[in-house]
Amino acid sequence: MTTAQHKIGSGFGEKSTADDVLTGLDLGGKLAVVTGGYSGLGLEATRALTKAGARVVVPARRPDAAREAVAGLPGVEVDELDLGDLESVRGFAERFLGSGRSIDFMIDNAGIMACPETRVGPGWEAQFATNHLGHFALVNRLWPAVEPGGARVVSVSSRAHHFSGMRWDDVQWSRGYDKWEAYGQAKTANVLFAVHLDQLAADRGVRAFSLHPGGILTPLQRHLPKAEMVERGWIDEEGNPLDPEGFKTPQQGAATEVWAATSPQLDGLGGVYLEDCDLAEPAPADGERVGVKSWATDPEQAARLWKLSAELTGVDAFAG
């Protein structure tokens, strides 16, 4: 089977920063929505986009903390959004649509990782609900602002999608729970979402991408005990990275999502998975965790997930 998943030689790489990939681009007059754009990679993406002239809306579960984090950045506004609460998603979308603005870049950056078993909404597993279903509902509710802008929709996934494909027989983990496999399923869902959204929206001028930002020590690790990070060889007992060269800085980690949202090198492309500011290759058969797994780019699974997500959230901008 042929695939578009092959490097294009962007000229950027794992050490490129968000500022690097925006060099020479004038984003004046452009509007970005960056979920979680006040912490970790999201904050660096917000900083870089505003530096290039864009206005950025930051939907935040902790709006007071968000306002403090983005204070001093020009052209940033904060609003409240809890991705684990569909009524909160609806409220944010209605407020934004009421402003009459269109969206040029939609970066679905917020997420949770490897948390203890948690249930949200009608009993949904929190990682699948927050990382995927909340963003699914958000993009579909914002569609009247996404389509006119011919937006790029960027779904921040992870190499952790290698941990698990979709568990179609138990998506909500009702029969036992593994925090890392649950995270892997949620990250696979992020890739599949971009695959099917691009298939639905490309002829309307909207393109979708997913990506692995790289390994970065950020607040995303807040649910991991220090002992576990020590055991994994990420940090020492004092909390210092054991292999600093093995981790990206937050500025480097934000580069691929910003590149996905803005780069002219991606014109005419969509529905693909990116890493290190380039298209990723298909994952090798030897199990090495690089590239993208075939289960995450399967168009049939992408369509199946879209249908399930629409049923669960009650939202589908393409229905009828």
Protein backbone atom coordinates (compact mmCIF):
# COMPACT_ATOMS: atom_id res chain seq x y z
CA MET A 1 0.00 0.00 0.00
CA THR A 2 1.36 3.43 -0.90
CA THR A 3 1.65 6.09 1.78
CA ALA A 4 2.35 9.82 1.92
CA GLN A 5 4.37 9.18 5.09
CA HIS A 6 7.83 9.98 3.77
CA LYS A 7 10.20 12.80 4.69
CA ILE A 8 10.15 15.86 2.46
CA GLY A 9 13.51 17.29 3.56
CA SER A 10 12.18 20.38 5.30
CA GLY A 11 15.62 21.62 6.33
CA PHE A 12 14.55 21.61 9.98
CA GLY A 13 15.16 18.89 12.56
CA GLU A 14 14.94 17.77 16.15
CA LYS A 15 16.89 20.75 17.48
CA SER A 16 14.91 23.38 15.57
CA THR A 17 12.87 25.77 17.71
CA ALA A 18 9.45 27.29 17.20
CA ASP A 19 11.15 30.60 16.39
CA ASP A 20 13.36 28.87 13.82
CA VAL A 21 10.45 27.45 11.83
CA LEU A 22 8.68 30.82 11.80
CA THR A 23 11.70 32.76 10.52
CA GLY A 24 10.61 34.98 7.64
CA LEU A 25 6.88 34.37 8.14
CA ASP A 26 4.61 37.32 8.85
CA LEU A 27 1.51 36.13 10.69
CA GLY A 28 0.03 39.59 11.09
CA GLY A 29 -3.75 39.41 10.79
CA LYS A 30 -3.81 35.67 11.53
CA LEU A 31 -5.66 34.10 14.46
CA ALA A 32 -4.61 30.92 16.27
CA VAL A 33 -6.45 28.93 18.91
CA VAL A 34 -4.00 26.95 21.07
CA THR A 35 -5.54 24.72 23.73
CA GLY A 36 -3.32 24.59 26.79
CA GLY A 37 -1.36 27.47 25.32
CA TYR A 38 -0.20 28.67 28.72
CA SER A 39 2.02 25.82 29.88
CA GLY A 40 4.85 23.69 28.54
CA LEU A 41 4.87 23.34 24.77
CA GLY A 42 1.65 25.27 24.42
CA LEU A 43 3.12 28.36 26.05
CA GLU A 44 6.16 28.22 23.76
CA ALA A 45 3.87 27.89 20.73
CA THR A 46 1.88 30.90 21.92
CA ARG A 47 5.04 32.94 22.42
CA ALA A 48 6.40 32.09 18.98
CA LEU A 49 3.13 32.76 17.17
CA THR A 50 2.66 36.14 18.81
CA LYS A 51 6.29 37.05 18.07
CA ALA A 52 5.50 36.41 14.38
CA GLY A 53 2.48 38.70 14.59
CA ALA A 54 -0.45 36.35 15.17
CA ARG A 55 -3.21 36.85 17.67
CA VAL A 56 -3.69 33.81 19.92
CA VAL A 57 -6.73 32.65 21.85
CA VAL A 58 -5.80 30.38 24.75
CA PRO A 59 -8.66 28.24 26.07
CA ALA A 60 -7.63 27.16 29.57
CA ARG A 61 -8.92 24.91 32.33
CA ARG A 62 -7.22 27.28 34.79
CA PRO A 63 -7.85 30.71 33.26
CA ASP A 64 -6.32 32.67 36.14
CA ALA A 65 -3.08 30.70 35.85
CA ALA A 66 -3.20 31.13 32.09
CA ARG A 67 -3.56 34.91 32.33
CA GLU A 68 -0.57 35.03 34.64
CA ALA A 69 1.51 32.85 32.31
CA VAL A 70 0.79 34.86 29.16
CA ALA A 71 0.95 38.31 30.82
CA GLY A 72 3.05 40.58 28.67
CA LEU A 73 2.58 38.62 25.46
CA PRO A 74 0.94 40.84 22.83
CA GLY A 75 -2.31 39.80 21.21
CA VAL A 76 -3.19 36.94 23.57
CA GLU A 77 -6.61 36.43 25.10
CA VAL A 78 -7.63 33.75 27.58
CA ASP A 79 -11.00 32.04 27.96
CA GLU A 80 -12.20 29.13 30.06
CA LEU A 81 -12.33 25.59 28.69
CA ASP A 82 -12.32 22.18 30.34
CA LEU A 83 -11.90 19.55 27.62
CA GLY A 84 -13.26 16.87 29.95
CA ASP A 85 -16.61 18.69 30.21
CA LEU A 86 -18.68 18.87 27.02
CA GLU A 87 -20.77 21.73 28.38
CA SER A 88 -17.59 23.70 28.92
CA VAL A 89 -16.59 22.93 25.33
CA ARG A 90 -19.97 24.12 24.12
CA GLY A 91 -19.73 27.31 26.17
CA PHE A 92 -16.28 28.24 24.89
CA ALA A 93 -17.26 27.52 21.28
CA GLU A 94 -20.41 29.63 21.53
CA ARG A 95 -18.51 32.54 23.03
CA PHE A 96 -15.85 32.36 20.34
CA LEU A 97 -18.33 32.05 17.48
CA GLY A 98 -20.18 35.01 18.93
CA SER A 99 -17.11 37.14 18.24
CA GLY A 100 -17.58 36.59 14.50
CA ARG A 101 -13.93 35.76 13.89
CA SER A 102 -12.44 33.02 11.73
CA ILE A 103 -9.58 30.73 12.74
CA ASP A 104 -6.39 30.33 10.72
CA PHE A 105 -4.53 27.87 12.98
CA MET A 106 -6.19 25.45 15.41
CA ILE A 107 -3.61 23.69 17.58
CA ASP A 108 -5.06 20.96 19.80
CA ASN A 109 -2.16 20.98 22.22
CA ALA A 110 -3.66 20.38 25.68
CA GLY A 111 -3.60 16.91 27.18
CA ILE A 112 -3.03 14.65 30.15
CA MET A 113 -0.62 11.74 30.38
CA ALA A 114 -0.52 8.49 32.33
CA CYS A 115 -2.90 9.64 35.04
CA PRO A 116 -4.45 7.32 37.63
CA GLU A 117 -7.75 5.85 36.48
CA THR A 118 -10.15 8.76 36.32
CA ARG A 119 -13.67 9.05 34.96
CA VAL A 120 -15.20 12.20 33.46
CA GLY A 121 -18.54 13.05 31.90
CA PRO A 122 -20.76 9.98 31.65
CA GLY A 123 -17.99 7.71 32.95
CA TRP A 124 -15.51 8.11 30.12
CA GLU A 125 -11.85 7.23 30.67
CA ALA A 126 -10.20 10.60 31.24
CA GLN A 127 -7.26 10.36 28.84
CA PHE A 128 -9.42 9.34 25.88
CA ALA A 129 -12.06 11.89 26.85
CA THR A 130 -9.72 14.84 27.42
CA ASN A 131 -7.08 14.24 24.78
CA HIS A 132 -9.44 13.10 22.03
CA LEU A 133 -13.17 13.52 22.63
CA GLY A 134 -12.89 17.04 24.02
CA HIS A 135 -10.84 18.19 21.04
CA PHE A 136 -13.15 16.34 18.65
CA ALA A 137 -16.15 18.21 20.05
CA LEU A 138 -14.25 21.50 20.10
CA VAL A 139 -13.17 21.40 16.46
CA ASN A 140 -16.62 20.34 15.31
CA ARG A 141 -18.32 23.09 17.32
CA LEU A 142 -15.83 25.67 16.03
CA TRP A 143 -16.28 24.51 12.43
CA PRO A 144 -18.19 27.69 11.41
CA ALA A 145 -14.98 29.60 12.26
CA VAL A 146 -12.52 26.94 11.04
CA GLU A 147 -13.88 26.53 7.51
CA PRO A 148 -13.98 30.20 6.40
CA GLY A 149 -10.37 30.68 7.44
CA GLY A 150 -9.22 27.63 5.48
CA ALA A 151 -7.58 26.68 8.76
CA ARG A 152 -4.97 24.12 9.52
CA VAL A 153 -6.00 21.87 12.39
CA VAL A 154 -3.05 20.41 14.29
CA SER A 155 -3.55 17.45 16.61
CA VAL A 156 -0.67 17.01 19.06
CA SER A 157 -0.20 13.27 19.44
CA SER A 158 2.88 11.42 20.68
CA ARG A 159 5.25 8.59 19.93
CA ALA A 160 3.27 6.93 22.73
CA HIS A 161 0.70 5.99 20.10
CA HIS A 162 3.02 2.99 19.62
CA PHE A 163 1.81 1.72 23.03
CA SER A 164 -1.71 0.89 21.85
CA GLY A 165 -4.02 1.01 18.89
CA MET A 166 -7.74 1.53 19.39
CA ARG A 167 -9.21 -0.98 21.85
CA TRP A 168 -12.50 -1.28 20.03
CA ASP A 169 -13.83 -3.90 22.44
CA ASP A 170 -13.24 -1.67 25.49
CA VAL A 171 -12.46 1.90 24.48
CA GLN A 172 -13.35 3.26 27.93
CA TRP A 173 -11.24 0.75 29.86
CA SER A 174 -14.14 -0.75 31.81
CA ARG A 175 -12.27 -4.04 32.28
CA GLY A 176 -9.01 -3.15 33.99
CA TYR A 177 -6.83 -0.10 33.43
CA ASP A 178 -3.26 0.48 32.30
CA LYS A 179 -2.30 4.16 32.39
CA TRP A 180 0.32 3.93 29.65
CA GLU A 181 -1.76 1.86 27.26
CA ALA A 182 -4.70 4.20 27.89
CA TYR A 183 -2.45 7.12 27.03
CA GLY A 184 -1.30 5.27 23.90
CA GLN A 185 -4.88 4.70 22.75
CA ALA A 186 -5.67 8.40 23.28
CA LYS A 187 -2.63 9.42 21.25
CA THR A 188 -3.57 6.97 18.47
CA ALA A 189 -6.99 8.62 18.48
CA ASN A 190 -5.31 12.01 17.97
CA VAL A 191 -3.66 10.73 14.79
CA LEU A 192 -6.81 9.03 13.48
CA PHE A 193 -8.78 12.22 14.10
CA ALA A 194 -6.47 14.18 11.81
CA VAL A 195 -6.61 11.46 9.15
CA HIS A 196 -10.38 11.55 8.88
CA LEU A 197 -10.82 15.29 9.38
CA ASP A 198 -8.46 15.88 6.48
CA GLN A 199 -10.40 13.42 4.34
CA LEU A 200 -13.64 15.26 5.11
CA ALA A 201 -12.34 18.82 4.93
CA ALA A 202 -9.57 19.00 2.33
CA ASP A 203 -11.95 19.95 -0.49
CA ARG A 204 -13.14 22.86 1.67
CA GLY A 205 -9.61 24.20 2.07
CA VAL A 206 -9.06 22.90 5.62
CA ARG A 207 -6.14 20.55 6.22
CA ALA A 208 -5.33 18.50 9.31
CA PHE A 209 -2.05 17.18 10.70
CA SER A 210 -0.93 15.18 13.72
CA LEU A 211 2.51 15.00 15.26
CA HIS A 212 4.95 13.77 17.87
CA PRO A 213 6.55 16.83 19.50
CA GLY A 214 9.51 14.89 20.95
CA GLY A 215 10.51 13.92 24.45
CA ILE A 216 10.31 16.99 26.68
CA LEU A 217 10.15 17.36 30.46
CA THR A 218 7.13 19.62 31.03
CA PRO A 219 4.12 19.78 33.39
CA LEU A 220 2.63 16.97 31.26
CA GLN A 221 4.52 14.62 33.60
CA ARG A 222 2.63 15.93 36.64
CA HIS A 223 0.84 12.61 37.22
CA LEU A 224 4.06 10.58 37.27
CA PRO A 225 5.67 9.83 40.63
CA LYS A 226 9.27 10.99 40.85
CA ALA A 227 10.34 7.40 41.55
CA GLU A 228 8.84 6.26 38.26
CA MET A 229 10.69 8.93 36.28
CA VAL A 230 13.91 7.92 38.06
CA GLU A 231 13.25 4.27 37.24
CA ARG A 232 12.65 5.15 33.58
CA GLY A 233 16.02 6.91 33.49
CA TRP A 234 14.54 10.33 32.79
CA ILE A 235 15.80 12.13 35.91
CA ASP A 236 18.11 11.59 38.87
CA GLU A 237 17.09 11.70 42.53
CA GLU A 238 17.46 15.50 42.51
CA GLY A 239 15.12 15.84 39.55
CA ASN A 240 17.79 16.65 36.96
CA PRO A 241 17.56 15.10 33.46
CA LEU A 242 19.91 12.12 33.25
CA ASP A 243 20.32 12.53 29.51
CA PRO A 244 19.79 16.23 28.68
CA GLU A 245 20.64 15.57 25.04
CA GLY A 246 17.89 12.96 24.92
CA PHE A 247 15.22 15.54 25.70
CA LYS A 248 14.15 18.55 23.71
CA THR A 249 13.75 21.93 25.29
CA PRO A 250 10.16 23.25 25.37
CA GLN A 251 11.11 25.66 22.57
CA GLN A 252 12.28 22.72 20.45
CA GLY A 253 9.26 20.66 21.44
CA ALA A 254 6.88 23.37 20.22
CA ALA A 255 8.57 23.59 16.83
CA THR A 256 6.76 20.76 15.06
CA GLU A 257 3.27 21.92 16.05
CA VAL A 258 4.04 25.48 14.96
CA TRP A 259 5.60 24.22 11.72
CA ALA A 260 2.51 22.07 11.09
CA ALA A 261 0.22 25.06 11.58
CA THR A 262 2.10 27.57 9.44
CA SER A 263 4.69 26.16 7.07
CA PRO A 264 4.25 26.74 3.32
CA GLN A 265 6.21 23.49 2.87
CA LEU A 266 3.03 21.64 3.84
CA ASP A 267 0.77 23.34 1.31
CA GLY A 268 -1.20 20.69 -0.54
CA LEU A 269 -0.55 18.07 2.13
CA GLY A 270 -2.72 16.84 4.98
CA GLY A 271 -3.80 13.84 7.02
CA VAL A 272 -0.17 13.01 7.77
CA TYR A 273 1.82 12.50 10.96
CA LEU A 274 4.90 14.63 11.62
CA GLU A 275 7.97 14.48 13.84
CA ASP A 276 11.08 16.65 14.09
CA CYS A 277 9.57 19.25 11.73
CA ASP A 278 9.16 16.82 8.83
CA LEU A 279 6.84 14.06 7.76
CA ALA A 280 7.46 10.84 9.67
CA GLU A 281 8.30 7.57 7.99
CA PRO A 282 6.18 4.46 8.60
CA ALA A 283 7.20 2.69 11.81
CA PRO A 284 9.73 -0.09 11.18
CA ALA A 285 8.68 -3.70 11.62
CA ASP A 286 11.32 -4.33 14.29
CA GLY A 287 9.28 -2.52 16.92
CA GLU A 288 11.57 0.49 17.31
CA ARG A 289 9.42 3.41 18.47
CA VAL A 290 10.04 5.80 15.61
CA GLY A 291 7.74 6.89 12.82
CA VAL A 292 4.02 6.25 12.72
CA LYS A 293 2.22 2.95 13.27
CA SER A 294 -0.08 1.75 10.52
CA TRP A 295 -2.97 1.41 12.98
CA ALA A 296 -2.87 5.18 13.49
CA THR A 297 -3.12 6.06 9.79
CA ASP A 298 -5.67 3.43 8.71
CA PRO A 299 -8.51 5.34 7.00
CA GLU A 300 -11.08 2.71 7.94
CA GLN A 301 -10.20 2.94 11.63
CA ALA A 302 -10.18 6.74 11.32
CA ALA A 303 -13.72 6.71 9.93
CA ARG A 304 -14.83 4.26 12.63
CA LEU A 305 -13.41 6.49 15.36
CA TRP A 306 -15.07 9.57 13.87
CA LYS A 307 -18.45 7.82 13.91
CA LEU A 308 -17.97 6.67 17.51
CA SER A 309 -16.81 10.11 18.62
CA ALA A 310 -19.80 11.80 17.00
CA GLU A 311 -22.14 9.36 18.74
CA LEU A 312 -20.48 9.92 22.13
CA THR A 313 -20.29 13.70 21.94
CA GLY A 314 -23.45 14.38 19.95
CA VAL A 315 -21.50 16.69 17.63
CA ASP A 316 -20.61 16.25 13.95
CA ALA A 317 -20.13 19.27 11.72
CA PHE A 318 -20.25 17.02 8.63
CA ALA A 319 -23.46 15.12 9.41
CA GLY A 320 -26.31 15.26 6.90
